[in-house]
């Protein structure tokens, strides 16, 4: 054993590190992927909070509709997209495969499906804005359709990466489970 103040232990030249135990690669990958998914969940929570605030402020008429437009229809089912994030977050402490699978499936249902619907719902308004320069809904002076398409682009990336990393994490956990069963 080496010490900070004393000489090196006799009989070792420092090349005896290869036989020491190392952390298995799937455990390292699990930690890394959990960290990435947590970052994506935080990004999703920011998007979700902004949309929830828009819905609440517009329905309670806290400000004029000229300042914040009424929500599009796709925004209401998208508010359920908090469910996959909760399932994903709950799956982390004990590497619960069931919750992670539920998170991935419900992400498609509650996150990706409303985004696809939203892009189709807003397309005619985006087309009108592009062709004629006319917008009828505004969010803080900006065209609501432009702002919401920007939100859609960011949300697609967040949810796409979240599902991708969840799949890789699921594979990592499954590999770990299979190795335990072999022993």
N, C-alpha and C. Protein backbone atom coordinates (compact mmCIF):
# COMPACT_ATOMS: atom_id res chain seq x y z
N UNK A 1 0.83 -1.18 0.00
CA UNK A 1 0.00 0.00 0.00
C UNK A 1 0.87 1.24 0.00
N UNK A 2 0.51 2.19 -0.77
CA UNK A 2 1.23 3.45 -0.80
C UNK A 2 0.66 4.38 0.25
N UNK A 3 1.49 5.18 0.79
CA UNK A 3 1.01 6.18 1.74
C UNK A 3 1.48 7.54 1.27
N UNK A 4 0.87 8.57 1.79
CA UNK A 4 1.21 9.91 1.34
C UNK A 4 2.59 10.35 1.83
N UNK A 5 2.91 9.98 3.04
CA UNK A 5 4.15 10.50 3.62
C UNK A 5 5.30 9.51 3.53
N UNK A 6 5.01 8.24 3.54
CA UNK A 6 6.08 7.25 3.64
C UNK A 6 6.47 6.68 2.31
N UNK A 7 7.40 5.75 2.36
CA UNK A 7 7.87 5.11 1.13
C UNK A 7 6.82 4.13 0.59
N UNK A 8 7.03 3.72 -0.64
CA UNK A 8 6.14 2.76 -1.28
C UNK A 8 6.34 1.40 -0.61
N UNK A 9 5.27 0.63 -0.57
CA UNK A 9 5.35 -0.70 0.03
C UNK A 9 6.37 -1.54 -0.72
N UNK A 10 7.06 -2.36 0.01
CA UNK A 10 8.08 -3.19 -0.62
C UNK A 10 7.43 -4.26 -1.48
N UNK A 11 8.08 -4.59 -2.56
CA UNK A 11 7.58 -5.65 -3.43
C UNK A 11 6.64 -5.16 -4.49
N UNK A 12 6.44 -3.89 -4.63
CA UNK A 12 5.56 -3.39 -5.68
C UNK A 12 6.24 -2.25 -6.42
N UNK A 13 6.08 -2.25 -7.70
CA UNK A 13 6.66 -1.18 -8.51
C UNK A 13 5.58 -0.28 -9.11
N UNK A 14 4.31 -0.48 -8.68
CA UNK A 14 3.20 0.34 -9.17
C UNK A 14 2.49 -0.25 -10.37
N UNK A 15 2.93 -1.39 -10.87
CA UNK A 15 2.30 -1.99 -12.05
C UNK A 15 1.29 -3.08 -11.67
N UNK A 16 0.88 -3.12 -10.41
CA UNK A 16 -0.03 -4.16 -9.96
C UNK A 16 -1.50 -3.72 -10.00
N UNK A 17 -1.81 -2.72 -10.80
CA UNK A 17 -3.17 -2.20 -10.85
C UNK A 17 -4.09 -3.01 -11.74
N UNK A 18 -3.56 -3.84 -12.64
CA UNK A 18 -4.39 -4.54 -13.61
C UNK A 18 -5.28 -5.61 -12.97
N UNK A 19 -4.88 -6.17 -11.87
CA UNK A 19 -5.67 -7.24 -11.26
C UNK A 19 -6.78 -6.70 -10.37
N UNK A 20 -6.77 -5.41 -10.11
CA UNK A 20 -7.79 -4.84 -9.22
C UNK A 20 -9.15 -4.86 -9.88
N UNK A 21 -10.16 -4.87 -9.06
CA UNK A 21 -11.52 -4.88 -9.57
C UNK A 21 -11.87 -3.55 -10.22
N UNK A 22 -12.67 -3.62 -11.26
CA UNK A 22 -13.14 -2.43 -11.95
C UNK A 22 -14.66 -2.43 -11.92
N UNK A 23 -15.24 -1.25 -12.05
CA UNK A 23 -16.69 -1.15 -12.13
C UNK A 23 -17.11 -1.66 -13.50
N UNK A 24 -18.09 -2.54 -13.51
CA UNK A 24 -18.56 -3.12 -14.77
C UNK A 24 -19.10 -2.02 -15.68
N UNK A 25 -18.91 -2.20 -16.97
CA UNK A 25 -19.27 -1.16 -17.94
C UNK A 25 -20.77 -0.84 -17.92
N UNK A 26 -21.62 -1.85 -17.69
CA UNK A 26 -23.06 -1.55 -17.70
C UNK A 26 -23.46 -0.72 -16.49
N UNK A 27 -22.73 -0.80 -15.39
CA UNK A 27 -23.00 0.07 -14.25
C UNK A 27 -22.57 1.50 -14.55
N UNK A 28 -21.42 1.65 -15.19
CA UNK A 28 -20.97 2.98 -15.59
C UNK A 28 -21.96 3.60 -16.57
N UNK A 29 -22.42 2.80 -17.53
CA UNK A 29 -23.36 3.30 -18.52
C UNK A 29 -24.68 3.67 -17.85
N UNK A 30 -25.11 2.88 -16.88
CA UNK A 30 -26.35 3.16 -16.18
C UNK A 30 -26.30 4.52 -15.49
N UNK A 31 -25.21 4.79 -14.83
CA UNK A 31 -25.06 6.08 -14.13
C UNK A 31 -25.07 7.23 -15.13
N UNK A 32 -24.35 7.07 -16.21
CA UNK A 32 -24.28 8.12 -17.23
C UNK A 32 -25.65 8.37 -17.86
N UNK A 33 -26.35 7.29 -18.22
CA UNK A 33 -27.66 7.43 -18.86
C UNK A 33 -28.70 8.01 -17.91
N UNK A 34 -28.65 7.60 -16.65
CA UNK A 34 -29.57 8.18 -15.66
C UNK A 34 -29.36 9.69 -15.56
N UNK A 35 -28.12 10.11 -15.57
CA UNK A 35 -27.81 11.54 -15.49
C UNK A 35 -28.35 12.28 -16.71
N UNK A 36 -28.17 11.72 -17.90
CA UNK A 36 -28.67 12.36 -19.11
C UNK A 36 -30.20 12.43 -19.12
N UNK A 37 -30.84 11.35 -18.70
CA UNK A 37 -32.31 11.33 -18.68
C UNK A 37 -32.83 12.34 -17.66
N UNK A 38 -32.16 12.48 -16.52
CA UNK A 38 -32.58 13.47 -15.53
C UNK A 38 -32.49 14.88 -16.10
N UNK A 39 -31.46 15.16 -16.87
CA UNK A 39 -31.34 16.48 -17.52
C UNK A 39 -32.49 16.70 -18.50
N UNK A 40 -32.83 15.66 -19.25
CA UNK A 40 -33.94 15.78 -20.20
C UNK A 40 -35.27 15.93 -19.49
N UNK A 41 -35.43 15.27 -18.35
CA UNK A 41 -36.66 15.43 -17.57
C UNK A 41 -36.78 16.87 -17.08
N UNK A 42 -35.67 17.46 -16.67
CA UNK A 42 -35.70 18.86 -16.24
C UNK A 42 -36.07 19.77 -17.41
N UNK A 43 -35.49 19.52 -18.59
CA UNK A 43 -35.86 20.30 -19.78
C UNK A 43 -37.34 20.13 -20.10
N UNK A 44 -37.84 18.91 -19.97
CA UNK A 44 -39.26 18.67 -20.20
C UNK A 44 -40.12 19.41 -19.18
N UNK A 45 -39.70 19.42 -17.94
CA UNK A 45 -40.46 20.13 -16.91
C UNK A 45 -40.53 21.63 -17.19
N UNK A 46 -39.48 22.19 -17.75
CA UNK A 46 -39.50 23.61 -18.12
C UNK A 46 -40.54 23.84 -19.22
N UNK A 47 -40.52 23.01 -20.26
CA UNK A 47 -41.51 23.13 -21.34
C UNK A 47 -42.91 22.93 -20.80
N UNK A 48 -43.09 21.91 -19.98
CA UNK A 48 -44.40 21.60 -19.42
C UNK A 48 -44.91 22.75 -18.57
N UNK A 49 -44.04 23.33 -17.76
CA UNK A 49 -44.43 24.45 -16.90
C UNK A 49 -44.86 25.65 -17.73
N UNK A 50 -44.13 25.96 -18.79
CA UNK A 50 -44.50 27.09 -19.65
C UNK A 50 -45.87 26.87 -20.29
N UNK A 51 -46.12 25.66 -20.79
CA UNK A 51 -47.42 25.37 -21.39
C UNK A 51 -48.53 25.38 -20.35
N UNK A 52 -48.26 24.85 -19.17
CA UNK A 52 -49.27 24.86 -18.11
C UNK A 52 -49.59 26.30 -17.69
N UNK A 53 -48.57 27.13 -17.61
CA UNK A 53 -48.82 28.54 -17.28
C UNK A 53 -49.63 29.23 -18.35
N UNK A 54 -49.35 28.94 -19.61
CA UNK A 54 -50.14 29.53 -20.70
C UNK A 54 -51.61 29.12 -20.58
N UNK A 55 -51.85 27.83 -20.33
CA UNK A 55 -53.23 27.35 -20.21
C UNK A 55 -53.92 28.01 -19.02
N UNK A 56 -53.25 28.05 -17.88
CA UNK A 56 -53.86 28.63 -16.67
C UNK A 56 -54.13 30.11 -16.84
N UNK A 57 -53.14 30.85 -17.34
CA UNK A 57 -53.28 32.31 -17.48
C UNK A 57 -54.37 32.64 -18.49
N UNK A 58 -54.45 31.91 -19.59
CA UNK A 58 -55.45 32.23 -20.60
C UNK A 58 -56.86 31.84 -20.16
N UNK A 59 -57.00 30.74 -19.42
CA UNK A 59 -58.35 30.34 -18.99
C UNK A 59 -58.85 31.16 -17.82
N UNK A 60 -57.97 31.58 -16.96
CA UNK A 60 -58.39 32.42 -15.83
C UNK A 60 -58.45 33.89 -16.22
N UNK A 61 -58.09 34.20 -17.46
CA UNK A 61 -58.12 35.55 -18.01
C UNK A 61 -57.36 36.54 -17.13
N UNK A 62 -56.17 36.11 -16.72
CA UNK A 62 -55.33 36.96 -15.89
C UNK A 62 -54.71 38.11 -16.69
N UNK A 63 -54.52 37.88 -17.99
CA UNK A 63 -54.04 38.93 -18.88
C UNK A 63 -54.90 38.91 -20.14
N UNK A 64 -54.78 39.93 -20.93
CA UNK A 64 -55.61 40.04 -22.14
C UNK A 64 -55.19 38.97 -23.16
N UNK A 65 -56.14 38.60 -24.02
CA UNK A 65 -55.85 37.59 -25.05
C UNK A 65 -54.92 38.14 -26.11
N UNK A 66 -54.74 39.46 -26.15
CA UNK A 66 -53.77 40.04 -27.08
C UNK A 66 -52.35 39.75 -26.63
N UNK A 67 -52.16 39.60 -25.32
CA UNK A 67 -50.83 39.33 -24.77
C UNK A 67 -50.49 37.84 -24.80
N UNK A 68 -51.42 37.01 -24.35
CA UNK A 68 -51.23 35.55 -24.37
C UNK A 68 -52.46 34.92 -25.00
N UNK A 69 -52.25 34.23 -26.12
CA UNK A 69 -53.35 33.63 -26.87
C UNK A 69 -53.92 32.43 -26.13
N UNK A 70 -55.15 32.08 -26.50
CA UNK A 70 -55.75 30.85 -25.99
C UNK A 70 -54.93 29.66 -26.49
N UNK A 71 -54.84 28.62 -25.69
CA UNK A 71 -54.03 27.46 -26.10
C UNK A 71 -54.63 26.73 -27.30
N UNK A 72 -53.77 26.10 -28.05
CA UNK A 72 -54.22 25.22 -29.12
C UNK A 72 -54.73 23.92 -28.50
N UNK A 73 -55.48 23.15 -29.26
CA UNK A 73 -56.08 21.92 -28.73
C UNK A 73 -55.05 20.87 -28.33
N UNK A 74 -53.91 20.83 -28.99
CA UNK A 74 -52.90 19.82 -28.68
C UNK A 74 -52.25 20.04 -27.33
N UNK A 75 -52.33 21.26 -26.81
CA UNK A 75 -51.66 21.57 -25.55
C UNK A 75 -52.32 20.87 -24.35
N UNK A 76 -53.62 20.62 -24.43
CA UNK A 76 -54.31 19.98 -23.31
C UNK A 76 -53.85 18.53 -23.11
N UNK A 77 -53.84 17.68 -24.15
CA UNK A 77 -53.32 16.33 -23.92
C UNK A 77 -51.82 16.32 -23.63
N UNK A 78 -51.10 17.34 -24.12
CA UNK A 78 -49.66 17.38 -23.84
C UNK A 78 -49.40 17.59 -22.36
N UNK A 79 -50.33 18.19 -21.66
CA UNK A 79 -50.15 18.38 -20.21
C UNK A 79 -50.05 17.05 -19.48
N UNK A 80 -50.56 15.98 -20.09
CA UNK A 80 -50.42 14.65 -19.49
C UNK A 80 -49.01 14.09 -19.67
N UNK A 81 -48.16 14.78 -20.40
CA UNK A 81 -46.81 14.28 -20.65
C UNK A 81 -45.94 14.31 -19.41
N UNK A 82 -46.44 14.83 -18.33
CA UNK A 82 -45.70 14.79 -17.06
C UNK A 82 -45.65 13.35 -16.53
N UNK A 83 -46.63 12.54 -16.90
CA UNK A 83 -46.72 11.16 -16.41
C UNK A 83 -45.49 10.32 -16.81
N UNK A 84 -45.05 10.34 -18.09
CA UNK A 84 -43.85 9.57 -18.42
C UNK A 84 -42.61 10.01 -17.65
N UNK A 85 -42.50 11.30 -17.41
CA UNK A 85 -41.34 11.80 -16.66
C UNK A 85 -41.37 11.30 -15.23
N UNK A 86 -42.55 11.25 -14.64
CA UNK A 86 -42.67 10.74 -13.27
C UNK A 86 -42.30 9.26 -13.24
N UNK A 87 -42.82 8.47 -14.19
CA UNK A 87 -42.47 7.05 -14.24
C UNK A 87 -40.97 6.86 -14.42
N UNK A 88 -40.37 7.65 -15.30
CA UNK A 88 -38.94 7.54 -15.52
C UNK A 88 -38.14 7.88 -14.28
N UNK A 89 -38.54 8.93 -13.61
CA UNK A 89 -37.82 9.35 -12.41
C UNK A 89 -37.96 8.33 -11.29
N UNK A 90 -39.14 7.72 -11.16
CA UNK A 90 -39.39 6.72 -10.12
C UNK A 90 -38.61 5.43 -10.40
N UNK A 91 -38.31 5.16 -11.67
CA UNK A 91 -37.61 3.92 -12.01
C UNK A 91 -36.13 3.94 -11.63
N UNK A 92 -35.55 5.11 -11.40
CA UNK A 92 -34.11 5.21 -11.20
C UNK A 92 -33.57 4.62 -9.90
N UNK A 93 -34.15 4.89 -8.73
CA UNK A 93 -33.50 4.45 -7.49
C UNK A 93 -33.22 2.95 -7.42
N UNK A 94 -34.14 2.12 -7.85
CA UNK A 94 -33.95 0.67 -7.74
C UNK A 94 -33.83 -0.01 -9.09
N UNK A 95 -33.54 0.76 -10.13
CA UNK A 95 -33.42 0.22 -11.49
C UNK A 95 -34.64 -0.61 -11.88
N UNK A 96 -35.81 -0.03 -11.68
CA UNK A 96 -37.07 -0.72 -11.92
C UNK A 96 -37.39 -0.73 -13.41
N UNK A 97 -37.25 -1.89 -14.02
CA UNK A 97 -37.47 -2.03 -15.46
C UNK A 97 -38.92 -1.75 -15.83
N UNK A 98 -39.86 -2.17 -15.01
CA UNK A 98 -41.29 -1.99 -15.32
C UNK A 98 -41.65 -0.51 -15.46
N UNK A 99 -41.18 0.30 -14.52
CA UNK A 99 -41.48 1.73 -14.59
C UNK A 99 -40.81 2.39 -15.79
N UNK A 100 -39.62 1.94 -16.12
CA UNK A 100 -38.93 2.52 -17.28
C UNK A 100 -39.67 2.17 -18.57
N UNK A 101 -40.16 0.95 -18.68
CA UNK A 101 -40.94 0.56 -19.86
C UNK A 101 -42.24 1.37 -19.92
N UNK A 102 -42.90 1.54 -18.78
CA UNK A 102 -44.11 2.38 -18.75
C UNK A 102 -43.79 3.81 -19.17
N UNK A 103 -42.65 4.30 -18.75
CA UNK A 103 -42.23 5.65 -19.12
C UNK A 103 -42.06 5.77 -20.63
N UNK A 104 -41.43 4.77 -21.23
CA UNK A 104 -41.20 4.81 -22.67
C UNK A 104 -42.51 4.72 -23.47
N UNK A 105 -43.38 3.83 -23.05
CA UNK A 105 -44.66 3.67 -23.76
C UNK A 105 -45.53 4.90 -23.59
N UNK A 106 -45.63 5.41 -22.36
CA UNK A 106 -46.47 6.57 -22.13
C UNK A 106 -45.87 7.83 -22.74
N UNK A 107 -44.55 7.88 -22.95
CA UNK A 107 -43.94 9.02 -23.64
C UNK A 107 -44.45 9.10 -25.08
N UNK A 108 -44.58 7.95 -25.71
CA UNK A 108 -45.14 7.94 -27.06
C UNK A 108 -46.59 8.38 -27.09
N UNK A 109 -47.34 7.94 -26.10
CA UNK A 109 -48.77 8.24 -26.06
C UNK A 109 -49.07 9.66 -25.61
N UNK A 110 -48.43 10.11 -24.54
CA UNK A 110 -48.76 11.40 -23.95
C UNK A 110 -47.85 12.55 -24.39
N UNK A 111 -46.72 12.24 -25.02
CA UNK A 111 -45.80 13.29 -25.43
C UNK A 111 -45.70 13.40 -26.95
N UNK A 112 -45.34 12.32 -27.60
CA UNK A 112 -45.11 12.36 -29.04
C UNK A 112 -46.42 12.51 -29.81
N UNK A 113 -47.46 11.79 -29.43
CA UNK A 113 -48.75 11.87 -30.14
C UNK A 113 -49.33 13.29 -30.11
N UNK A 114 -49.40 13.98 -28.95
CA UNK A 114 -49.89 15.36 -28.98
C UNK A 114 -49.01 16.30 -29.80
N UNK A 115 -47.71 16.04 -29.85
CA UNK A 115 -46.82 16.88 -30.65
C UNK A 115 -47.12 16.70 -32.14
N UNK A 116 -47.34 15.47 -32.56
CA UNK A 116 -47.69 15.21 -33.96
C UNK A 116 -49.03 15.87 -34.30
N UNK A 117 -50.00 15.71 -33.41
CA UNK A 117 -51.30 16.34 -33.62
C UNK A 117 -51.15 17.86 -33.67
N UNK A 118 -50.33 18.41 -32.78
CA UNK A 118 -50.13 19.86 -32.74
C UNK A 118 -49.50 20.39 -34.01
N UNK A 119 -48.56 19.66 -34.56
CA UNK A 119 -47.94 20.12 -35.81
C UNK A 119 -48.94 20.13 -36.95
N UNK A 120 -49.86 19.16 -36.95
CA UNK A 120 -50.91 19.14 -37.98
C UNK A 120 -51.97 20.20 -37.72
N UNK A 121 -52.31 20.43 -36.46
CA UNK A 121 -53.32 21.42 -36.12
C UNK A 121 -52.87 22.83 -36.49
N UNK A 122 -51.62 23.13 -36.25
CA UNK A 122 -51.13 24.48 -36.48
C UNK A 122 -50.62 24.72 -37.90
N UNK A 123 -50.53 23.69 -38.71
CA UNK A 123 -49.99 23.84 -40.07
C UNK A 123 -50.75 24.86 -40.91
N UNK A 124 -52.09 24.84 -40.95
CA UNK A 124 -52.79 25.84 -41.76
C UNK A 124 -52.48 27.28 -41.32
N UNK A 125 -52.36 27.51 -40.02
CA UNK A 125 -52.06 28.85 -39.53
C UNK A 125 -50.62 29.25 -39.88
N UNK A 126 -49.71 28.27 -39.82
CA UNK A 126 -48.32 28.54 -40.20
C UNK A 126 -48.23 28.84 -41.69
N UNK A 127 -49.00 28.12 -42.48
CA UNK A 127 -49.03 28.34 -43.91
C UNK A 127 -49.58 29.73 -44.24
N UNK A 128 -50.62 30.12 -43.53
CA UNK A 128 -51.20 31.45 -43.73
C UNK A 128 -50.21 32.54 -43.33
N UNK A 129 -49.51 32.33 -42.24
CA UNK A 129 -48.50 33.30 -41.80
C UNK A 129 -47.38 33.41 -42.83
N UNK A 130 -46.96 32.28 -43.38
CA UNK A 130 -45.87 32.28 -44.35
C UNK A 130 -46.30 32.93 -45.67
N UNK A 131 -47.49 32.60 -46.15
CA UNK A 131 -47.93 33.09 -47.46
C UNK A 131 -48.40 34.54 -47.42
N UNK A 132 -49.19 34.88 -46.38
CA UNK A 132 -49.83 36.20 -46.35
C UNK A 132 -49.29 37.12 -45.26
N UNK A 133 -48.51 36.58 -44.36
CA UNK A 133 -47.97 37.42 -43.29
C UNK A 133 -49.00 37.78 -42.24
N UNK A 134 -50.09 37.03 -42.17
CA UNK A 134 -51.17 37.33 -41.22
C UNK A 134 -51.14 36.33 -40.06
N UNK A 135 -51.18 36.88 -38.87
CA UNK A 135 -51.28 36.05 -37.67
C UNK A 135 -52.42 36.61 -36.82
N UNK A 136 -53.19 35.72 -36.22
CA UNK A 136 -54.34 36.16 -35.43
C UNK A 136 -54.17 35.90 -33.94
N UNK A 137 -53.23 35.07 -33.59
CA UNK A 137 -52.93 34.78 -32.19
C UNK A 137 -51.52 35.24 -31.88
N UNK A 138 -51.35 35.80 -30.68
CA UNK A 138 -50.03 36.31 -30.31
C UNK A 138 -49.68 35.89 -28.89
N UNK A 139 -48.39 35.71 -28.68
CA UNK A 139 -47.83 35.46 -27.35
C UNK A 139 -46.73 36.50 -27.16
N UNK A 140 -46.99 37.45 -26.30
CA UNK A 140 -46.05 38.55 -26.02
C UNK A 140 -45.61 39.25 -27.30
N UNK A 141 -46.54 39.48 -28.21
CA UNK A 141 -46.25 40.21 -29.43
C UNK A 141 -45.71 39.37 -30.57
N UNK A 142 -45.38 38.13 -30.32
CA UNK A 142 -44.90 37.23 -31.37
C UNK A 142 -46.05 36.36 -31.86
N UNK A 143 -45.97 35.95 -33.09
CA UNK A 143 -46.98 35.06 -33.64
C UNK A 143 -47.03 33.77 -32.81
N UNK A 144 -48.22 33.42 -32.34
CA UNK A 144 -48.37 32.24 -31.49
C UNK A 144 -47.96 30.97 -32.23
N UNK A 145 -48.26 30.90 -33.51
CA UNK A 145 -47.92 29.69 -34.26
C UNK A 145 -46.40 29.54 -34.36
N UNK A 146 -45.68 30.63 -34.52
CA UNK A 146 -44.21 30.57 -34.58
C UNK A 146 -43.63 30.13 -33.25
N UNK A 147 -44.13 30.71 -32.17
CA UNK A 147 -43.65 30.37 -30.84
C UNK A 147 -43.94 28.90 -30.53
N UNK A 148 -45.14 28.46 -30.86
CA UNK A 148 -45.52 27.09 -30.53
C UNK A 148 -44.80 26.07 -31.41
N UNK A 149 -44.50 26.42 -32.67
CA UNK A 149 -43.68 25.51 -33.49
C UNK A 149 -42.26 25.41 -32.93
N UNK A 150 -41.75 26.50 -32.40
CA UNK A 150 -40.44 26.45 -31.74
C UNK A 150 -40.49 25.52 -30.53
N UNK A 151 -41.57 25.62 -29.75
CA UNK A 151 -41.76 24.73 -28.60
C UNK A 151 -41.86 23.28 -29.07
N UNK A 152 -42.57 23.04 -30.17
CA UNK A 152 -42.70 21.68 -30.70
C UNK A 152 -41.35 21.10 -31.13
N UNK A 153 -40.54 21.91 -31.76
CA UNK A 153 -39.23 21.43 -32.22
C UNK A 153 -38.37 21.04 -31.02
N UNK A 154 -38.37 21.88 -30.00
CA UNK A 154 -37.58 21.58 -28.80
C UNK A 154 -38.15 20.35 -28.10
N UNK A 155 -39.47 20.26 -27.98
CA UNK A 155 -40.11 19.13 -27.30
C UNK A 155 -39.85 17.82 -28.02
N UNK A 156 -39.86 17.82 -29.34
CA UNK A 156 -39.59 16.60 -30.10
C UNK A 156 -38.17 16.12 -29.80
N UNK A 157 -37.24 17.04 -29.75
CA UNK A 157 -35.86 16.65 -29.46
C UNK A 157 -35.73 16.11 -28.04
N UNK A 158 -36.34 16.79 -27.09
CA UNK A 158 -36.25 16.34 -25.69
C UNK A 158 -36.85 14.96 -25.54
N UNK A 159 -38.04 14.75 -26.08
CA UNK A 159 -38.70 13.45 -25.92
C UNK A 159 -38.02 12.36 -26.74
N UNK A 160 -37.54 12.71 -27.92
CA UNK A 160 -36.82 11.73 -28.73
C UNK A 160 -35.56 11.24 -28.03
N UNK A 161 -34.78 12.16 -27.50
CA UNK A 161 -33.57 11.77 -26.77
C UNK A 161 -33.91 11.03 -25.49
N UNK A 162 -34.99 11.43 -24.86
CA UNK A 162 -35.40 10.75 -23.62
C UNK A 162 -35.77 9.29 -23.90
N UNK A 163 -36.50 9.05 -24.96
CA UNK A 163 -36.86 7.67 -25.32
C UNK A 163 -35.61 6.89 -25.75
N UNK A 164 -34.73 7.51 -26.50
CA UNK A 164 -33.50 6.85 -26.95
C UNK A 164 -32.64 6.45 -25.75
N UNK A 165 -32.39 7.39 -24.85
CA UNK A 165 -31.57 7.08 -23.67
C UNK A 165 -32.27 6.06 -22.76
N UNK A 166 -33.58 6.13 -22.68
CA UNK A 166 -34.31 5.15 -21.87
C UNK A 166 -34.15 3.75 -22.44
N UNK A 167 -34.18 3.64 -23.76
CA UNK A 167 -33.98 2.33 -24.40
C UNK A 167 -32.58 1.80 -24.12
N UNK A 168 -31.58 2.68 -24.22
CA UNK A 168 -30.21 2.25 -23.93
C UNK A 168 -30.07 1.86 -22.46
N UNK A 169 -30.73 2.60 -21.57
CA UNK A 169 -30.70 2.28 -20.15
C UNK A 169 -31.39 0.96 -19.88
N UNK A 170 -32.50 0.74 -20.54
CA UNK A 170 -33.22 -0.53 -20.40
C UNK A 170 -32.33 -1.69 -20.85
N UNK A 171 -31.64 -1.52 -21.96
CA UNK A 171 -30.71 -2.56 -22.42
C UNK A 171 -29.60 -2.80 -21.41
N UNK A 172 -29.10 -1.74 -20.82
CA UNK A 172 -28.05 -1.85 -19.81
C UNK A 172 -28.55 -2.61 -18.58
N UNK A 173 -29.74 -2.26 -18.13
CA UNK A 173 -30.30 -2.95 -16.96
C UNK A 173 -30.61 -4.40 -17.29
N UNK A 174 -31.08 -4.66 -18.50
CA UNK A 174 -31.41 -6.02 -18.89
C UNK A 174 -30.15 -6.87 -18.94
N UNK A 175 -29.06 -6.32 -19.44
CA UNK A 175 -27.78 -7.03 -19.47
C UNK A 175 -27.34 -7.35 -18.06
N UNK A 176 -27.48 -6.39 -17.17
CA UNK A 176 -27.10 -6.59 -15.77
C UNK A 176 -27.94 -7.70 -15.14
N UNK A 177 -29.24 -7.72 -15.43
CA UNK A 177 -30.13 -8.73 -14.87
C UNK A 177 -29.79 -10.12 -15.40
N UNK A 178 -29.46 -10.20 -16.70
CA UNK A 178 -29.11 -11.49 -17.31
C UNK A 178 -27.81 -12.05 -16.72
N UNK A 179 -26.86 -11.16 -16.43
CA UNK A 179 -25.60 -11.61 -15.84
C UNK A 179 -25.82 -12.13 -14.42
N UNK A 180 -26.73 -11.51 -13.68
CA UNK A 180 -27.01 -11.98 -12.33
C UNK A 180 -27.69 -13.36 -12.36
N UNK A 181 -28.54 -13.58 -13.35
CA UNK A 181 -29.24 -14.87 -13.46
C UNK A 181 -28.28 -16.00 -13.82
N UNK A 182 -27.22 -15.69 -14.57
CA UNK A 182 -26.25 -16.70 -14.96
C UNK A 182 -25.45 -17.18 -13.78
N UNK A 183 -25.24 -16.31 -12.80
CA UNK A 183 -24.44 -16.69 -11.62
C UNK A 183 -25.25 -17.46 -10.67
